């Protein structure tokens, strides 16, 4: 596990909050906002859920005291949505209030398809308390066209990603070509109808299309990219005057997140093995 964690540092700030704060400071120094996530998911007991709530409150306090520019992104299953969606909402409200007190956007990650309805419901309830709430949507899910329409109607912020979770063919597109077509279609919708959204992609074709659409639509938007991925492109976007956020995960429960990053980019496995052999 020590060897894996060494390689995972490409995408994971570390196991402690202090690691995430340092990576966030570095991102800010490069002109990039921090989007910090305390790793953890699929909790079915209340003790780790409530510990997660306390961790995010401490995290927002640390971001404030350290002058970090950015905000946090929450996973609904780490807040107990698998226990009960109303309970998960009750655990998120203190985090929402802390973000609201400083005028920070509060983001919700999107996870497996079976939690999508509950995640959107929670987001809608949070929007009733604070209008700066955003939700992630995944282009690989066949339902996303309707979800985007619904979220635009609710004036939610939207972060469009391709999707990293393994899903069945009944609910998700299976091929890269299908997912890319869906992503490009959703980009058109966001630039035409949404407000203050995020283009979550490292794909050059998606980014080029976003820049083309930005020339025709004066819609506020940002690029959202993962820690450790395409850093030169992030720098280029900042130099061109675009708003860029970097998703910075941390915490001891880093293995599921790390595994998804490897599945997304299989050649990373070769890089990891080579790094171990060369030592």
C-alpha atoms as a PDB file:
ATOM      1  CA  UNK A   1       0.000   0.000   0.000  1.00  0.00           C
ATOM      2  CA  UNK A   2       2.900   2.344   0.651  1.00  0.00           C
ATOM      3  CA  UNK A   3       4.113   1.830  -2.912  1.00  0.00           C
ATOM      4  CA  UNK A   4       0.619   2.408  -4.295  1.00  0.00           C
ATOM      5  CA  UNK A   5       0.198   5.579  -2.256  1.00  0.00           C
ATOM      6  CA  UNK A   6       3.489   6.893  -3.615  1.00  0.00           C
ATOM      7  CA  UNK A   7       2.161   6.549  -7.153  1.00  0.00           C
ATOM      8  CA  UNK A   8      -1.320   7.770  -6.150  1.00  0.00           C
ATOM      9  CA  UNK A   9       0.209  11.099  -5.091  1.00  0.00           C
ATOM     10  CA  UNK A  10      -0.058  12.084  -8.745  1.00  0.00           C
ATOM     11  CA  UNK A  11      -3.831  12.330  -8.242  1.00  0.00           C
ATOM     12  CA  UNK A  12      -4.258  12.405  -4.450  1.00  0.00           C
ATOM     13  CA  UNK A  13      -2.896  15.211  -2.265  1.00  0.00           C
ATOM     14  CA  UNK A  14      -2.183  12.860   0.637  1.00  0.00           C
ATOM     15  CA  UNK A  15      -3.910  11.328   3.607  1.00  0.00           C
ATOM     16  CA  UNK A  16      -4.083  14.448   5.808  1.00  0.00           C
ATOM     17  CA  UNK A  17      -5.925  17.742   5.487  1.00  0.00           C
ATOM     18  CA  UNK A  18      -2.615  19.582   5.650  1.00  0.00           C
ATOM     19  CA  UNK A  19      -1.582  17.826   2.424  1.00  0.00           C
ATOM     20  CA  UNK A  20      -4.694  19.082   0.641  1.00  0.00           C
ATOM     21  CA  UNK A  21      -4.202  22.628   1.939  1.00  0.00           C
ATOM     22  CA  UNK A  22      -0.645  22.672   0.585  1.00  0.00           C
ATOM     23  CA  UNK A  23      -1.739  21.399  -2.844  1.00  0.00           C
ATOM     24  CA  UNK A  24      -4.536  23.993  -2.828  1.00  0.00           C
ATOM     25  CA  UNK A  25      -2.017  26.743  -2.042  1.00  0.00           C
ATOM     26  CA  UNK A  26       0.147  25.573  -4.928  1.00  0.00           C
ATOM     27  CA  UNK A  27      -2.866  25.594  -7.257  1.00  0.00           C
ATOM     28  CA  UNK A  28      -3.800  29.114  -6.162  1.00  0.00           C
ATOM     29  CA  UNK A  29      -0.230  30.257  -6.806  1.00  0.00           C
ATOM     30  CA  UNK A  30      -0.650  29.033 -10.394  1.00  0.00           C
ATOM     31  CA  UNK A  31      -3.870  31.007 -10.785  1.00  0.00           C
ATOM     32  CA  UNK A  32      -6.107  27.967 -10.266  1.00  0.00           C
ATOM     33  CA  UNK A  33      -8.987  27.601  -7.795  1.00  0.00           C
ATOM     34  CA  UNK A  34      -9.066  24.589  -5.476  1.00  0.00           C
ATOM     35  CA  UNK A  35     -11.977  22.145  -5.431  1.00  0.00           C
ATOM     36  CA  UNK A  36     -11.213  19.964  -2.418  1.00  0.00           C
ATOM     37  CA  UNK A  37     -12.771  16.573  -1.671  1.00  0.00           C
ATOM     38  CA  UNK A  38     -12.240  14.490   1.462  1.00  0.00           C
ATOM     39  CA  UNK A  39     -12.224  10.941   0.110  1.00  0.00           C
ATOM     40  CA  UNK A  40     -14.748   8.412   1.356  1.00  0.00           C
ATOM     41  CA  UNK A  41     -17.843   6.758  -0.083  1.00  0.00           C
ATOM     42  CA  UNK A  42     -20.624   4.208   0.384  1.00  0.00           C
ATOM     43  CA  UNK A  43     -20.952   4.720   4.138  1.00  0.00           C
ATOM     44  CA  UNK A  44     -23.814   2.759   5.703  1.00  0.00           C
ATOM     45  CA  UNK A  45     -23.127   3.646   9.343  1.00  0.00           C
ATOM     46  CA  UNK A  46     -23.713   7.031  10.914  1.00  0.00           C
ATOM     47  CA  UNK A  47     -20.397   7.296  12.768  1.00  0.00           C
ATOM     48  CA  UNK A  48     -18.186   7.763   9.650  1.00  0.00           C
ATOM     49  CA  UNK A  49     -20.835  10.023   8.096  1.00  0.00           C
ATOM     50  CA  UNK A  50     -20.853  12.362  11.057  1.00  0.00           C
ATOM     51  CA  UNK A  51     -17.051  12.288  11.205  1.00  0.00           C
ATOM     52  CA  UNK A  52     -17.106  13.353   7.551  1.00  0.00           C
ATOM     53  CA  UNK A  53     -19.344  16.330   8.365  1.00  0.00           C
ATOM     54  CA  UNK A  54     -16.914  17.433  11.078  1.00  0.00           C
ATOM     55  CA  UNK A  55     -13.963  16.985   8.692  1.00  0.00           C
ATOM     56  CA  UNK A  56     -15.528  19.246   6.065  1.00  0.00           C
ATOM     57  CA  UNK A  57     -16.295  21.906   8.640  1.00  0.00           C
ATOM     58  CA  UNK A  58     -12.656  21.819   9.750  1.00  0.00           C
ATOM     59  CA  UNK A  59     -11.564  21.861   6.106  1.00  0.00           C
ATOM     60  CA  UNK A  60     -13.608  24.954   5.283  1.00  0.00           C
ATOM     61  CA  UNK A  61     -12.230  26.597   8.413  1.00  0.00           C
ATOM     62  CA  UNK A  62      -8.672  25.788   7.338  1.00  0.00           C
ATOM     63  CA  UNK A  63      -9.322  27.066   3.806  1.00  0.00           C
ATOM     64  CA  UNK A  64     -10.574  30.320   5.308  1.00  0.00           C
ATOM     65  CA  UNK A  65      -7.689  30.776   7.745  1.00  0.00           C
ATOM     66  CA  UNK A  66      -5.117  29.931   5.048  1.00  0.00           C
ATOM     67  CA  UNK A  67      -6.737  32.210   2.481  1.00  0.00           C
ATOM     68  CA  UNK A  68      -7.438  29.404   0.005  1.00  0.00           C
ATOM     69  CA  UNK A  69      -9.372  30.428  -3.084  1.00  0.00           C
ATOM     70  CA  UNK A  70     -11.876  27.739  -3.972  1.00  0.00           C
ATOM     71  CA  UNK A  71     -14.362  25.450  -2.267  1.00  0.00           C
ATOM     72  CA  UNK A  72     -15.291  21.827  -1.505  1.00  0.00           C
ATOM     73  CA  UNK A  73     -17.111  19.051  -3.350  1.00  0.00           C
ATOM     74  CA  UNK A  74     -19.108  16.436  -1.424  1.00  0.00           C
ATOM     75  CA  UNK A  75     -19.914  12.820  -2.262  1.00  0.00           C
ATOM     76  CA  UNK A  76     -23.494  11.977  -1.238  1.00  0.00           C
ATOM     77  CA  UNK A  77     -22.631   8.395  -0.267  1.00  0.00           C
ATOM     78  CA  UNK A  78     -20.057   9.671   2.227  1.00  0.00           C
ATOM     79  CA  UNK A  79     -22.842  11.762   3.795  1.00  0.00           C
ATOM     80  CA  UNK A  80     -25.169   8.802   4.276  1.00  0.00           C
ATOM     81  CA  UNK A  81     -27.448   8.827   1.238  1.00  0.00           C
ATOM     82  CA  UNK A  82     -27.359   5.009   1.318  1.00  0.00           C
ATOM     83  CA  UNK A  83     -28.814   5.212   4.830  1.00  0.00           C
ATOM     84  CA  UNK A  84     -31.507   7.791   4.030  1.00  0.00           C
ATOM     85  CA  UNK A  85     -31.524  10.800   1.735  1.00  0.00           C
ATOM     86  CA  UNK A  86     -33.106  13.065   4.370  1.00  0.00           C
ATOM     87  CA  UNK A  87     -30.383  12.061   6.827  1.00  0.00           C
ATOM     88  CA  UNK A  88     -27.706  12.828   4.215  1.00  0.00           C
ATOM     89  CA  UNK A  89     -29.274  16.231   3.636  1.00  0.00           C
ATOM     90  CA  UNK A  90     -29.222  16.952   7.376  1.00  0.00           C
ATOM     91  CA  UNK A  91     -25.495  16.162   7.471  1.00  0.00           C
ATOM     92  CA  UNK A  92     -24.741  18.399   4.483  1.00  0.00           C
ATOM     93  CA  UNK A  93     -26.637  21.437   5.763  1.00  0.00           C
ATOM     94  CA  UNK A  94     -23.936  22.504   8.287  1.00  0.00           C
ATOM     95  CA  UNK A  95     -21.342  22.281   5.495  1.00  0.00           C
ATOM     96  CA  UNK A  96     -23.621  24.308   3.221  1.00  0.00           C
ATOM     97  CA  UNK A  97     -24.060  26.962   5.908  1.00  0.00           C
ATOM     98  CA  UNK A  98     -20.301  27.183   6.419  1.00  0.00           C
ATOM     99  CA  UNK A  99     -19.732  27.589   2.662  1.00  0.00           C
ATOM    100  CA  UNK A 100     -22.540  30.137   2.461  1.00  0.00           C
ATOM    101  CA  UNK A 101     -21.045  32.194   5.291  1.00  0.00           C
ATOM    102  CA  UNK A 102     -17.988  32.779   3.091  1.00  0.00           C
ATOM    103  CA  UNK A 103     -19.796  33.034  -0.234  1.00  0.00           C
ATOM    104  CA  UNK A 104     -18.259  29.821  -1.570  1.00  0.00           C
ATOM    105  CA  UNK A 105     -20.048  27.573  -4.051  1.00  0.00           C
ATOM    106  CA  UNK A 106     -20.900  24.137  -2.652  1.00  0.00           C
ATOM    107  CA  UNK A 107     -20.504  21.297  -5.156  1.00  0.00           C
ATOM    108  CA  UNK A 108     -22.002  17.804  -5.073  1.00  0.00           C
ATOM    109  CA  UNK A 109     -20.202  15.001  -6.855  1.00  0.00           C
ATOM    110  CA  UNK A 110     -22.233  12.483  -8.835  1.00  0.00           C
ATOM    111  CA  UNK A 111     -21.604   8.808  -8.128  1.00  0.00           C
ATOM    112  CA  UNK A 112     -23.166   5.554  -9.325  1.00  0.00           C
ATOM    113  CA  UNK A 113     -26.390   5.820 -11.316  1.00  0.00           C
ATOM    114  CA  UNK A 114     -28.520   4.318  -8.538  1.00  0.00           C
ATOM    115  CA  UNK A 115     -27.820   7.415  -6.392  1.00  0.00           C
ATOM    116  CA  UNK A 116     -28.516  10.029  -9.085  1.00  0.00           C
ATOM    117  CA  UNK A 117     -32.158  10.700  -8.148  1.00  0.00           C
ATOM    118  CA  UNK A 118     -31.319  11.154  -4.465  1.00  0.00           C
ATOM    119  CA  UNK A 119     -28.329  13.365  -5.277  1.00  0.00           C
ATOM    120  CA  UNK A 120     -30.456  15.681  -7.402  1.00  0.00           C
ATOM    121  CA  UNK A 121     -33.148  15.761  -4.712  1.00  0.00           C
ATOM    122  CA  UNK A 122     -30.555  16.752  -2.099  1.00  0.00           C
ATOM    123  CA  UNK A 123     -29.163  19.424  -4.400  1.00  0.00           C
ATOM    124  CA  UNK A 124     -32.610  20.888  -4.922  1.00  0.00           C
ATOM    125  CA  UNK A 125     -33.195  21.058  -1.175  1.00  0.00           C
ATOM    126  CA  UNK A 126     -29.845  22.768  -0.653  1.00  0.00           C
ATOM    127  CA  UNK A 127     -30.677  25.287  -3.385  1.00  0.00           C
ATOM    128  CA  UNK A 128     -33.683  26.371  -1.328  1.00  0.00           C
ATOM    129  CA  UNK A 129     -31.251  27.491   1.390  1.00  0.00           C
ATOM    130  CA  UNK A 130     -28.476  28.908  -0.824  1.00  0.00           C
ATOM    131  CA  UNK A 131     -28.371  29.727  -4.518  1.00  0.00           C
ATOM    132  CA  UNK A 132     -24.687  28.838  -5.024  1.00  0.00           C
ATOM    133  CA  UNK A 133     -24.993  25.056  -5.176  1.00  0.00           C
ATOM    134  CA  UNK A 134     -23.599  22.990  -8.035  1.00  0.00           C
ATOM    135  CA  UNK A 135     -24.052  19.396  -9.129  1.00  0.00           C
ATOM    136  CA  UNK A 136     -21.935  17.155 -11.289  1.00  0.00           C
ATOM    137  CA  UNK A 137     -23.592  15.368 -14.241  1.00  0.00           C
ATOM    138  CA  UNK A 138     -22.106  12.481 -16.239  1.00  0.00           C
ATOM    139  CA  UNK A 139     -22.271  12.353 -20.025  1.00  0.00           C
ATOM    140  CA  UNK A 140     -22.101   8.558 -20.061  1.00  0.00           C
ATOM    141  CA  UNK A 141     -25.539   8.270 -18.413  1.00  0.00           C
ATOM    142  CA  UNK A 142     -28.433   8.141 -20.846  1.00  0.00           C
ATOM    143  CA  UNK A 143     -30.635  10.136 -18.487  1.00  0.00           C
ATOM    144  CA  UNK A 144     -28.363  13.198 -18.376  1.00  0.00           C
ATOM    145  CA  UNK A 145     -30.232  15.204 -21.034  1.00  0.00           C
ATOM    146  CA  UNK A 146     -33.262  15.307 -18.762  1.00  0.00           C
ATOM    147  CA  UNK A 147     -31.177  15.963 -15.657  1.00  0.00           C
ATOM    148  CA  UNK A 148     -29.477  18.968 -17.264  1.00  0.00           C
ATOM    149  CA  UNK A 149     -32.843  20.409 -18.281  1.00  0.00           C
ATOM    150  CA  UNK A 150     -34.102  19.953 -14.718  1.00  0.00           C
ATOM    151  CA  UNK A 151     -31.013  21.487 -13.114  1.00  0.00           C
ATOM    152  CA  UNK A 152     -31.050  24.477 -15.451  1.00  0.00           C
ATOM    153  CA  UNK A 153     -34.676  25.055 -14.468  1.00  0.00           C
ATOM    154  CA  UNK A 154     -33.618  24.936 -10.796  1.00  0.00           C
ATOM    155  CA  UNK A 155     -30.796  27.450 -11.492  1.00  0.00           C
ATOM    156  CA  UNK A 156     -28.210  24.982 -10.245  1.00  0.00           C
ATOM    157  CA  UNK A 157     -24.621  25.180 -11.328  1.00  0.00           C
ATOM    158  CA  UNK A 158     -23.590  22.176 -13.412  1.00  0.00           C
ATOM    159  CA  UNK A 159     -20.234  20.432 -13.775  1.00  0.00           C
ATOM    160  CA  UNK A 160     -20.209  18.232 -16.875  1.00  0.00           C
ATOM    161  CA  UNK A 161     -17.894  15.205 -16.824  1.00  0.00           C
ATOM    162  CA  UNK A 162     -17.732  12.039 -18.908  1.00  0.00           C
ATOM    163  CA  UNK A 163     -18.278   9.683 -15.952  1.00  0.00           C
ATOM    164  CA  UNK A 164     -15.890   7.332 -14.155  1.00  0.00           C
ATOM    165  CA  UNK A 165     -18.247   4.723 -12.672  1.00  0.00           C
ATOM    166  CA  UNK A 166     -18.880   1.329 -14.206  1.00  0.00           C
ATOM    167  CA  UNK A 167     -22.555   1.147 -15.217  1.00  0.00           C
ATOM    168  CA  UNK A 168     -24.820  -1.271 -17.067  1.00  0.00           C
ATOM    169  CA  UNK A 169     -25.749  -0.814 -20.728  1.00  0.00           C
ATOM    170  CA  UNK A 170     -29.344  -0.141 -19.678  1.00  0.00           C
ATOM    171  CA  UNK A 171     -28.418   3.158 -18.054  1.00  0.00           C
ATOM    172  CA  UNK A 172     -25.125   4.194 -19.684  1.00  0.00           C
ATOM    173  CA  UNK A 173     -23.410   4.445 -23.054  1.00  0.00           C
ATOM    174  CA  UNK A 174     -20.762   1.793 -23.509  1.00  0.00           C
ATOM    175  CA  UNK A 175     -18.407   3.202 -26.134  1.00  0.00           C
ATOM    176  CA  UNK A 176     -16.133   6.210 -26.124  1.00  0.00           C
ATOM    177  CA  UNK A 177     -17.725   7.475 -29.345  1.00  0.00           C
ATOM    178  CA  UNK A 178     -21.197   7.449 -27.782  1.00  0.00           C
ATOM    179  CA  UNK A 179     -19.995   9.199 -24.639  1.00  0.00           C
ATOM    180  CA  UNK A 180     -18.126  11.819 -26.654  1.00  0.00           C
ATOM    181  CA  UNK A 181     -21.213  12.541 -28.768  1.00  0.00           C
ATOM    182  CA  UNK A 182     -23.298  12.947 -25.628  1.00  0.00           C
ATOM    183  CA  UNK A 183     -20.686  15.215 -24.037  1.00  0.00           C
ATOM    184  CA  UNK A 184     -20.559  17.485 -27.084  1.00  0.00           C
ATOM    185  CA  UNK A 185     -24.355  17.654 -27.216  1.00  0.00           C
ATOM    186  CA  UNK A 186     -24.516  18.598 -23.528  1.00  0.00           C
ATOM    187  CA  UNK A 187     -21.866  21.274 -24.066  1.00  0.00           C
ATOM    188  CA  UNK A 188     -24.125  22.892 -26.675  1.00  0.00           C
ATOM    189  CA  UNK A 189     -26.984  22.919 -24.180  1.00  0.00           C
ATOM    190  CA  UNK A 190     -24.903  24.391 -21.366  1.00  0.00           C
ATOM    191  CA  UNK A 191     -23.465  27.199 -23.451  1.00  0.00           C
ATOM    192  CA  UNK A 192     -26.881  27.980 -24.863  1.00  0.00           C
ATOM    193  CA  UNK A 193     -29.016  27.760 -21.729  1.00  0.00           C
ATOM    194  CA  UNK A 194     -27.060  27.365 -18.480  1.00  0.00           C
ATOM    195  CA  UNK A 195     -25.244  29.805 -16.211  1.00  0.00           C
ATOM    196  CA  UNK A 196     -21.904  29.634 -14.467  1.00  0.00           C
ATOM    197  CA  UNK A 197     -21.144  25.995 -15.274  1.00  0.00           C
ATOM    198  CA  UNK A 198     -17.980  23.895 -15.374  1.00  0.00           C
ATOM    199  CA  UNK A 199     -16.491  21.974 -18.289  1.00  0.00           C
ATOM    200  CA  UNK A 200     -14.984  18.961 -16.530  1.00  0.00           C
ATOM    201  CA  UNK A 201     -12.695  17.404 -19.105  1.00  0.00           C
ATOM    202  CA  UNK A 202      -9.067  16.849 -20.066  1.00  0.00           C
ATOM    203  CA  UNK A 203     -10.021  15.797 -23.601  1.00  0.00           C
ATOM    204  CA  UNK A 204      -8.533  18.216 -26.109  1.00  0.00           C
ATOM    205  CA  UNK A 205     -11.484  17.849 -28.472  1.00  0.00           C
ATOM    206  CA  UNK A 206     -14.003  18.702 -25.755  1.00  0.00           C
ATOM    207  CA  UNK A 207     -11.926  21.670 -24.622  1.00  0.00           C
ATOM    208  CA  UNK A 208     -11.520  23.011 -28.156  1.00  0.00           C
ATOM    209  CA  UNK A 209     -15.266  22.778 -28.709  1.00  0.00           C
ATOM    210  CA  UNK A 210     -15.907  24.587 -25.429  1.00  0.00           C
ATOM    211  CA  UNK A 211     -13.598  27.394 -26.515  1.00  0.00           C
ATOM    212  CA  UNK A 212     -15.406  27.627 -29.867  1.00  0.00           C
ATOM    213  CA  UNK A 213     -18.773  27.828 -28.139  1.00  0.00           C
ATOM    214  CA  UNK A 214     -17.421  30.430 -25.727  1.00  0.00           C
ATOM    215  CA  UNK A 215     -16.726  32.710 -28.691  1.00  0.00           C
ATOM    216  CA  UNK A 216     -20.441  32.711 -29.532  1.00  0.00           C
ATOM    217  CA  UNK A 217     -21.912  32.674 -26.019  1.00  0.00           C
ATOM    218  CA  UNK A 218     -20.868  35.132 -23.282  1.00  0.00           C
ATOM    219  CA  UNK A 219     -21.856  32.594 -20.627  1.00  0.00           C
ATOM    220  CA  UNK A 220     -19.703  32.497 -17.463  1.00  0.00           C
ATOM    221  CA  UNK A 221     -18.025  29.096 -17.184  1.00  0.00           C
ATOM    222  CA  UNK A 222     -14.871  27.440 -15.937  1.00  0.00           C
ATOM    223  CA  UNK A 223     -12.700  24.465 -16.730  1.00  0.00           C
ATOM    224  CA  UNK A 224     -12.559  21.826 -13.997  1.00  0.00           C
ATOM    225  CA  UNK A 225      -9.648  19.393 -14.102  1.00  0.00           C
ATOM    226  CA  UNK A 226      -8.206  16.769 -11.802  1.00  0.00           C
ATOM    227  CA  UNK A 227      -5.071  17.171  -9.711  1.00  0.00           C
ATOM    228  CA  UNK A 228      -2.073  15.769 -11.547  1.00  0.00           C
ATOM    229  CA  UNK A 229      -3.659  15.662 -14.996  1.00  0.00           C
ATOM    230  CA  UNK A 230      -2.599  17.919 -17.905  1.00  0.00           C
ATOM    231  CA  UNK A 231      -0.913  20.590 -15.802  1.00  0.00           C
ATOM    232  CA  UNK A 232       0.560  22.366 -18.882  1.00  0.00           C
ATOM    233  CA  UNK A 233      -2.961  22.681 -20.319  1.00  0.00           C
ATOM    234  CA  UNK A 234      -4.194  24.194 -17.064  1.00  0.00           C
ATOM    235  CA  UNK A 235      -1.403  26.744 -17.230  1.00  0.00           C
ATOM    236  CA  UNK A 236      -2.268  27.527 -20.848  1.00  0.00           C
ATOM    237  CA  UNK A 237      -5.945  28.061 -19.992  1.00  0.00           C
ATOM    238  CA  UNK A 238      -5.041  30.395 -17.125  1.00  0.00           C
ATOM    239  CA  UNK A 239      -2.682  32.370 -19.364  1.00  0.00           C
ATOM    240  CA  UNK A 240      -5.519  32.792 -21.857  1.00  0.00           C
ATOM    241  CA  UNK A 241      -7.681  34.289 -19.110  1.00  0.00           C
ATOM    242  CA  UNK A 242      -9.944  31.306 -18.441  1.00  0.00           C
ATOM    243  CA  UNK A 243     -11.159  30.322 -14.995  1.00  0.00           C
ATOM    244  CA  UNK A 244      -9.723  26.934 -14.000  1.00  0.00           C
ATOM    245  CA  UNK A 245     -10.458  24.788 -10.939  1.00  0.00           C
ATOM    246  CA  UNK A 246      -8.432  21.782  -9.813  1.00  0.00           C
ATOM    247  CA  UNK A 247     -10.159  18.865  -8.082  1.00  0.00           C
ATOM    248  CA  UNK A 248      -7.952  17.999  -5.080  1.00  0.00           C
ATOM    249  CA  UNK A 249      -8.841  14.788  -3.211  1.00  0.00           C
ATOM    250  CA  UNK A 250      -7.264  13.698   0.066  1.00  0.00           C
ATOM    251  CA  UNK A 251      -7.763  11.287   2.926  1.00  0.00           C
ATOM    252  CA  UNK A 252      -6.956   7.746   4.042  1.00  0.00           C
ATOM    253  CA  UNK A 253      -9.765   6.252   1.910  1.00  0.00           C
ATOM    254  CA  UNK A 254      -7.974   7.003  -1.345  1.00  0.00           C
ATOM    255  CA  UNK A 255      -7.893   3.538  -2.947  1.00  0.00           C
ATOM    256  CA  UNK A 256     -11.341   3.536  -4.686  1.00  0.00           C
ATOM    257  CA  UNK A 257     -10.635   6.949  -6.211  1.00  0.00           C
ATOM    258  CA  UNK A 258      -7.154   5.849  -7.289  1.00  0.00           C
ATOM    259  CA  UNK A 259      -8.599   2.695  -8.871  1.00  0.00           C
ATOM    260  CA  UNK A 260     -11.045   4.748 -10.956  1.00  0.00           C
ATOM    261  CA  UNK A 261      -8.221   6.915 -12.226  1.00  0.00           C
ATOM    262  CA  UNK A 262      -6.349   3.789 -13.347  1.00  0.00           C
ATOM    263  CA  UNK A 263      -9.438   2.415 -15.115  1.00  0.00           C
ATOM    264  CA  UNK A 264      -9.886   5.709 -16.961  1.00  0.00           C
ATOM    265  CA  UNK A 265      -6.303   5.696 -18.226  1.00  0.00           C
ATOM    266  CA  UNK A 266      -4.955   2.115 -18.429  1.00  0.00           C
ATOM    267  CA  UNK A 267      -1.534   3.298 -19.575  1.00  0.00           C
ATOM    268  CA  UNK A 268      -1.111   4.728 -16.074  1.00  0.00           C
ATOM    269  CA  UNK A 269      -0.726   1.142 -14.855  1.00  0.00           C
ATOM    270  CA  UNK A 270       2.362   0.796 -17.077  1.00  0.00           C
ATOM    271  CA  UNK A 271       3.743   4.051 -15.696  1.00  0.00           C
ATOM    272  CA  UNK A 272       3.120   2.880 -12.141  1.00  0.00           C
ATOM    273  CA  UNK A 273       4.845  -0.460 -12.652  1.00  0.00           C
ATOM    274  CA  UNK A 274       7.815   1.229 -14.350  1.00  0.00           C
ATOM    275  CA  UNK A 275       8.208   3.638 -11.434  1.00  0.00           C
ATOM    276  CA  UNK A 276       8.459   0.710  -9.023  1.00  0.00           C
ATOM    277  CA  UNK A 277      10.940  -1.229 -11.165  1.00  0.00           C
ATOM    278  CA  UNK A 278      13.212   1.754 -11.696  1.00  0.00           C
ATOM    279  CA  UNK A 279      13.653   2.419  -7.964  1.00  0.00           C
END
